[in-house]
N, C-alpha and C. Protein backbone atom coordinates (compact mmCIF):
# COMPACT_ATOMS: atom_id res chain seq x y z
N GLN A 1 0.73 -1.30 0.12
CA GLN A 1 -0.12 -0.29 -0.04
C GLN A 1 0.67 1.48 -0.49
N VAL A 2 0.54 1.98 -1.17
CA VAL A 2 1.33 3.27 -0.92
C VAL A 2 0.49 4.52 0.06
N GLN A 3 1.98 4.78 0.27
CA GLN A 3 1.37 5.18 2.12
C GLN A 3 2.58 6.90 2.17
N LEU A 4 1.92 7.87 2.77
CA LEU A 4 3.13 9.04 3.32
C LEU A 4 2.47 10.07 4.83
N VAL A 5 3.61 8.77 5.20
CA VAL A 5 3.18 8.81 7.46
C VAL A 5 4.29 10.50 7.92
N GLU A 6 3.48 11.26 7.83
CA GLU A 6 4.32 12.36 9.12
C GLU A 6 4.67 12.37 10.16
N SER A 7 5.56 12.86 10.93
CA SER A 7 4.82 12.76 11.93
C SER A 7 6.42 13.86 13.14
N GLY A 8 6.60 14.08 14.34
CA GLY A 8 7.22 14.41 14.54
C GLY A 8 6.59 15.96 14.81
N GLY A 9 4.75 15.90 14.96
CA GLY A 9 4.65 17.00 15.53
C GLY A 9 4.25 17.30 16.57
N GLY A 10 4.05 18.59 17.42
CA GLY A 10 3.39 18.23 18.93
C GLY A 10 3.29 19.97 19.75
N LEU A 11 3.43 20.03 21.12
CA LEU A 11 3.07 21.04 21.19
C LEU A 11 4.51 22.21 21.51
N VAL A 12 4.55 22.90 21.64
CA VAL A 12 5.95 23.88 21.56
C VAL A 12 6.12 24.54 22.06
N GLN A 13 7.01 25.90 22.26
CA GLN A 13 6.61 27.47 22.82
C GLN A 13 7.23 27.81 21.94
N PRO A 14 7.04 29.07 21.62
CA PRO A 14 7.30 30.34 20.52
C PRO A 14 9.51 30.12 20.47
N GLY A 15 9.33 29.91 19.53
CA GLY A 15 10.65 29.94 19.83
C GLY A 15 12.10 28.65 19.76
N GLY A 16 11.08 27.36 20.29
CA GLY A 16 11.34 25.59 20.35
C GLY A 16 11.06 25.53 18.21
N SER A 17 12.07 24.51 18.93
CA SER A 17 12.08 23.65 17.18
C SER A 17 11.21 22.02 17.94
N LEU A 18 11.66 21.36 16.01
CA LEU A 18 10.76 20.26 15.96
C LEU A 18 10.84 20.60 14.21
N ARG A 19 11.30 19.32 14.20
CA ARG A 19 11.76 18.31 13.66
C ARG A 19 10.54 17.01 12.89
N LEU A 20 10.23 17.57 11.57
CA LEU A 20 9.23 16.75 10.74
C LEU A 20 9.64 15.84 10.07
N SER A 21 9.07 14.52 10.15
CA SER A 21 9.13 13.51 9.45
C SER A 21 8.17 13.11 7.83
N CYS A 22 8.79 12.51 6.93
CA CYS A 22 7.63 12.30 6.52
C CYS A 22 8.25 11.17 5.55
N ALA A 23 7.56 9.68 5.87
CA ALA A 23 7.92 8.60 5.66
C ALA A 23 7.00 8.32 4.71
N ALA A 24 7.82 7.05 3.47
CA ALA A 24 7.04 6.28 2.59
C ALA A 24 6.91 5.45 3.10
N SER A 25 5.82 4.62 2.92
CA SER A 25 6.11 3.66 2.50
C SER A 25 5.21 2.26 1.04
N GLY A 26 5.26 1.61 0.85
CA GLY A 26 4.92 0.59 -0.24
C GLY A 26 6.00 1.76 -1.36
N PHE A 27 6.36 3.52 -1.50
CA PHE A 27 7.25 3.40 -3.09
C PHE A 27 8.34 3.56 -2.47
N THR A 28 9.11 3.98 -3.30
CA THR A 28 10.24 4.39 -2.61
C THR A 28 10.57 6.31 -3.82
N LEU A 29 11.46 6.69 -2.35
CA LEU A 29 10.95 8.42 -2.56
C LEU A 29 12.03 8.37 -3.64
N ASP A 30 13.26 7.76 -3.89
CA ASP A 30 13.72 8.19 -4.73
C ASP A 30 13.70 9.12 -6.06
N TYR A 31 13.10 8.98 -6.84
CA TYR A 31 12.41 10.05 -7.85
C TYR A 31 12.05 10.87 -7.56
N TYR A 32 11.01 11.04 -6.31
CA TYR A 32 10.22 11.96 -5.81
C TYR A 32 10.96 13.26 -5.31
N ALA A 33 10.20 14.59 -5.94
CA ALA A 33 9.57 15.77 -5.75
C ALA A 33 9.39 15.30 -4.61
N ILE A 34 9.86 16.93 -3.21
CA ILE A 34 8.64 16.33 -2.14
C ILE A 34 8.59 17.71 -1.12
N GLY A 35 7.57 17.44 -1.31
CA GLY A 35 7.15 19.05 -0.47
C GLY A 35 6.22 19.01 0.82
N TRP A 36 6.70 20.60 1.61
CA TRP A 36 6.35 20.35 2.98
C TRP A 36 4.48 21.56 2.86
N SER A 37 3.69 21.29 2.99
CA SER A 37 3.22 23.05 2.69
C SER A 37 1.72 22.25 4.47
N ARG A 38 1.56 23.16 5.11
CA ARG A 38 0.49 22.94 5.72
C ARG A 38 -0.91 24.49 5.35
N GLN A 39 -1.42 23.99 6.61
CA GLN A 39 -2.81 24.25 7.17
C GLN A 39 -2.77 24.62 7.92
N ALA A 40 -3.26 26.14 8.40
CA ALA A 40 -3.89 26.45 10.21
C ALA A 40 -5.56 27.01 9.68
N PRO A 41 -5.85 27.51 11.10
CA PRO A 41 -7.23 26.48 10.78
C PRO A 41 -8.19 28.21 9.94
N GLY A 42 -8.51 28.02 9.53
CA GLY A 42 -10.09 28.51 9.20
C GLY A 42 -8.87 29.65 7.61
N LYS A 43 -7.59 29.00 7.58
CA LYS A 43 -6.33 29.72 6.26
C LYS A 43 -6.45 28.91 5.21
N GLU A 44 -6.47 28.38 4.06
CA GLU A 44 -5.87 28.24 2.96
C GLU A 44 -4.10 27.10 2.95
N ARG A 45 -4.55 26.10 2.63
CA ARG A 45 -3.06 25.73 3.07
C ARG A 45 -2.05 26.24 2.10
N GLU A 46 -1.05 26.51 2.03
CA GLU A 46 0.20 26.95 1.16
C GLU A 46 1.39 26.31 1.75
N GLY A 47 2.87 26.31 0.88
CA GLY A 47 3.39 25.50 -0.08
C GLY A 47 4.68 26.58 1.64
N VAL A 48 5.18 25.67 1.78
CA VAL A 48 6.38 26.17 2.58
C VAL A 48 7.76 26.00 2.40
N SER A 49 7.82 24.16 1.93
CA SER A 49 8.95 23.62 1.31
C SER A 49 8.92 23.02 0.27
N CYS A 50 10.36 22.84 -0.58
CA CYS A 50 10.17 21.22 -1.37
C CYS A 50 11.72 21.79 -1.49
N ILE A 51 11.75 19.67 -1.96
CA ILE A 51 13.19 19.74 -2.03
C ILE A 51 13.04 18.33 -3.24
N SER A 52 14.10 18.49 -3.91
CA SER A 52 14.54 17.91 -5.39
C SER A 52 14.62 16.77 -5.42
N SER A 53 14.58 15.44 -6.18
CA SER A 53 14.94 14.10 -6.21
C SER A 53 15.98 13.88 -5.78
N SER A 54 16.55 14.45 -5.87
CA SER A 54 18.46 14.39 -5.84
C SER A 54 18.97 15.44 -4.77
N GLY A 55 17.64 16.01 -3.81
CA GLY A 55 18.32 16.89 -2.94
C GLY A 55 19.42 18.61 -2.98
N GLY A 56 19.57 18.30 -4.21
CA GLY A 56 20.31 19.56 -5.07
C GLY A 56 19.48 20.57 -4.72
N SER A 57 18.07 20.60 -4.90
CA SER A 57 17.44 21.67 -5.40
C SER A 57 16.55 22.24 -4.19
N THR A 58 16.16 23.31 -3.63
CA THR A 58 15.10 23.50 -1.84
C THR A 58 14.44 25.00 -2.79
N TYR A 59 13.94 24.55 -1.90
CA TYR A 59 12.49 25.73 -1.87
C TYR A 59 12.49 26.38 -0.48
N TYR A 60 11.70 27.45 -0.19
CA TYR A 60 11.19 27.81 0.79
C TYR A 60 10.76 29.69 0.67
N ALA A 61 8.95 28.44 1.25
CA ALA A 61 8.39 30.17 1.58
C ALA A 61 9.44 31.42 1.72
N GLU A 62 8.99 32.60 2.12
CA GLU A 62 9.81 33.57 1.87
C GLU A 62 9.60 34.26 4.02
N SER A 63 8.33 33.09 4.41
CA SER A 63 8.00 33.32 6.20
C SER A 63 9.23 32.06 6.59
N VAL A 64 9.40 31.60 6.51
CA VAL A 64 9.88 30.72 6.70
C VAL A 64 11.64 29.91 6.40
N LYS A 65 12.50 31.20 5.24
CA LYS A 65 13.43 31.55 4.98
C LYS A 65 14.31 31.82 6.12
N GLY A 66 15.30 30.51 6.34
CA GLY A 66 16.15 31.06 7.56
C GLY A 66 15.70 30.57 8.65
N ARG A 67 14.24 29.78 9.00
CA ARG A 67 14.42 28.63 9.81
C ARG A 67 14.15 27.58 9.82
N PHE A 68 13.73 27.33 8.79
CA PHE A 68 13.09 25.68 8.79
C PHE A 68 14.43 25.25 7.57
N THR A 69 15.03 24.24 7.81
CA THR A 69 15.88 23.02 6.49
C THR A 69 15.31 22.05 6.80
N ILE A 70 15.06 22.03 5.00
CA ILE A 70 14.58 20.04 4.71
C ILE A 70 15.72 19.47 3.71
N SER A 71 14.90 18.79 4.10
CA SER A 71 15.99 17.44 4.51
C SER A 71 15.72 16.24 3.99
N ARG A 72 16.31 15.56 3.12
CA ARG A 72 16.14 14.40 2.45
C ARG A 72 17.35 12.91 2.66
N ASP A 73 16.79 11.69 2.78
CA ASP A 73 17.25 10.37 3.45
C ASP A 73 16.66 9.02 1.83
N ASN A 74 17.26 9.32 1.22
CA ASN A 74 16.37 8.35 0.67
C ASN A 74 16.98 6.70 0.70
N ALA A 75 17.62 6.81 1.61
CA ALA A 75 17.73 5.13 1.97
C ALA A 75 17.39 5.28 2.81
N LYS A 76 16.71 6.22 3.66
CA LYS A 76 15.66 6.18 5.50
C LYS A 76 13.90 6.19 4.49
N ASN A 77 13.83 6.71 3.46
CA ASN A 77 13.29 6.84 3.11
C ASN A 77 12.06 7.81 3.49
N THR A 78 13.05 8.87 3.95
CA THR A 78 12.62 9.64 4.71
C THR A 78 12.78 11.18 3.39
N VAL A 79 12.06 11.62 4.29
CA VAL A 79 12.05 13.44 4.14
C VAL A 79 11.60 13.82 5.66
N TYR A 80 12.17 15.49 6.18
CA TYR A 80 12.85 15.53 6.79
C TYR A 80 12.74 17.51 6.99
N LEU A 81 12.07 17.54 8.33
CA LEU A 81 11.23 19.09 7.98
C LEU A 81 11.79 19.81 9.37
N GLN A 82 12.85 20.43 9.69
CA GLN A 82 13.73 21.14 10.84
C GLN A 82 13.28 22.30 10.51
N MET A 83 12.29 22.92 11.94
CA MET A 83 11.62 24.48 12.21
C MET A 83 12.38 25.11 13.41
N ASN A 84 13.00 25.37 13.39
CA ASN A 84 14.56 26.12 14.49
C ASN A 84 12.98 28.00 14.90
N SER A 85 13.26 28.23 15.77
CA SER A 85 12.80 29.14 15.88
C SER A 85 11.33 30.01 15.52
N LEU A 86 10.20 28.77 16.33
CA LEU A 86 9.06 29.06 15.76
C LEU A 86 8.42 30.39 16.77
N LYS A 87 7.09 30.51 15.37
CA LYS A 87 6.12 31.66 15.96
C LYS A 87 4.80 31.01 16.47
N PHE A 88 4.36 31.72 17.12
CA PHE A 88 2.38 31.34 16.81
C PHE A 88 2.41 31.48 16.02
N GLU A 89 2.50 32.02 15.18
CA GLU A 89 1.83 31.77 13.80
C GLU A 89 1.60 30.80 13.20
N ASN A 90 3.36 29.73 13.10
CA ASN A 90 3.70 28.66 12.59
C ASN A 90 2.61 27.30 13.23
N THR A 91 1.41 27.61 13.80
CA THR A 91 0.67 26.30 13.72
C THR A 91 0.04 26.51 13.00
N ALA A 92 -0.29 25.33 12.77
CA ALA A 92 -1.13 24.52 11.41
C ALA A 92 -0.84 23.36 10.84
N VAL A 93 -1.45 22.83 10.68
CA VAL A 93 -1.34 21.29 10.98
C VAL A 93 -0.53 21.44 9.16
N TYR A 94 0.52 20.11 9.62
CA TYR A 94 1.66 19.93 8.20
C TYR A 94 1.23 18.97 7.04
N TYR A 95 2.10 19.23 6.00
CA TYR A 95 1.19 17.45 5.12
C TYR A 95 2.53 17.68 4.41
N CYS A 96 3.00 16.59 4.12
CA CYS A 96 4.16 16.30 2.98
C CYS A 96 3.89 15.70 1.87
N ASN A 97 4.09 15.93 0.24
CA ASN A 97 3.34 15.57 -0.37
C ASN A 97 4.46 14.80 -0.89
N ALA A 98 4.43 13.85 -1.66
CA ALA A 98 5.94 13.60 -2.59
C ALA A 98 4.99 13.70 -3.99
N ARG A 99 5.68 13.70 -5.70
CA ARG A 99 4.71 14.86 -6.71
C ARG A 99 6.27 13.47 -7.67
N HIS A 100 5.14 12.17 -8.61
CA HIS A 100 5.97 11.62 -9.31
C HIS A 100 6.28 12.11 -10.85
N PRO A 101 7.88 11.94 -11.12
CA PRO A 101 8.56 12.27 -11.88
C PRO A 101 7.91 13.03 -13.18
N ILE A 102 7.11 11.47 -13.56
CA ILE A 102 6.47 12.01 -14.56
C ILE A 102 4.72 12.65 -14.73
N THR A 103 4.05 11.24 -14.38
CA THR A 103 3.49 11.69 -14.01
C THR A 103 2.36 12.53 -13.14
N ARG A 104 2.94 13.24 -12.09
CA ARG A 104 3.05 15.19 -11.28
C ARG A 104 1.96 14.38 -10.76
N TYR A 105 1.80 13.13 -11.17
CA TYR A 105 0.19 12.67 -9.24
C TYR A 105 1.06 12.58 -8.09
N ASN A 106 0.37 13.43 -7.33
CA ASN A 106 0.56 13.86 -5.83
C ASN A 106 0.19 13.14 -4.64
N TYR A 107 1.17 11.45 -3.29
CA TYR A 107 0.90 11.32 -2.72
C TYR A 107 0.72 12.07 -1.36
N TRP A 108 -0.32 12.77 -1.00
CA TRP A 108 -0.30 13.09 0.43
C TRP A 108 -0.67 12.71 1.30
N GLY A 109 0.63 12.94 2.48
CA GLY A 109 0.29 12.01 3.63
C GLY A 109 -1.45 13.08 4.71
N GLN A 110 -1.22 12.46 5.76
CA GLN A 110 -2.59 12.39 6.24
C GLN A 110 -2.12 13.90 7.53
N GLY A 111 -1.39 13.47 7.71
CA GLY A 111 -0.97 15.38 8.31
C GLY A 111 -0.27 15.38 9.19
N THR A 112 0.42 15.99 10.82
CA THR A 112 0.67 16.30 11.66
C THR A 112 0.77 17.93 12.25
N GLN A 113 0.49 17.26 13.78
CA GLN A 113 -0.33 18.57 13.72
C GLN A 113 1.13 19.92 14.53
N VAL A 114 1.31 20.60 14.35
CA VAL A 114 2.21 21.49 15.41
C VAL A 114 1.46 22.88 16.08
N THR A 115 1.99 23.33 16.83
CA THR A 115 1.72 24.11 17.67
C THR A 115 2.18 24.30 18.54
N VAL A 116 2.59 26.51 18.39
CA VAL A 116 2.97 27.42 18.82
C VAL A 116 2.90 28.32 19.84
N SER A 117 2.81 27.27 21.56
CA SER A 117 2.27 28.26 22.21
C SER A 117 2.33 28.35 24.24
N SER A 118 2.93 29.85 24.20
CA SER A 118 2.97 30.12 25.43
C SER A 118 1.95 29.71 26.91
């Protein structure tokens, strides 16, 4: 069964850090570009970061540049999002997606909740 599973979310204080993981099962992530997006309550989903299949190219939304780092470990079939200096406004459900290199079909995970609160 093809599946993406996010983990690592939780409750953190402002200024704190979390590392999200996106693990694939049923397929290999090697040839897929991977993205992280988030959806806060009452807001539309927005892209946060993405990484190419080789890991050589990354993108970050302006609001997270310098604080978030995306990386991938193809040997573990997992992509990570290191989030530092978290702010209240980073509270959201974070989703990862894997885009097929030819069909551009996207697999999505179920999301992981990140709550930044004092």
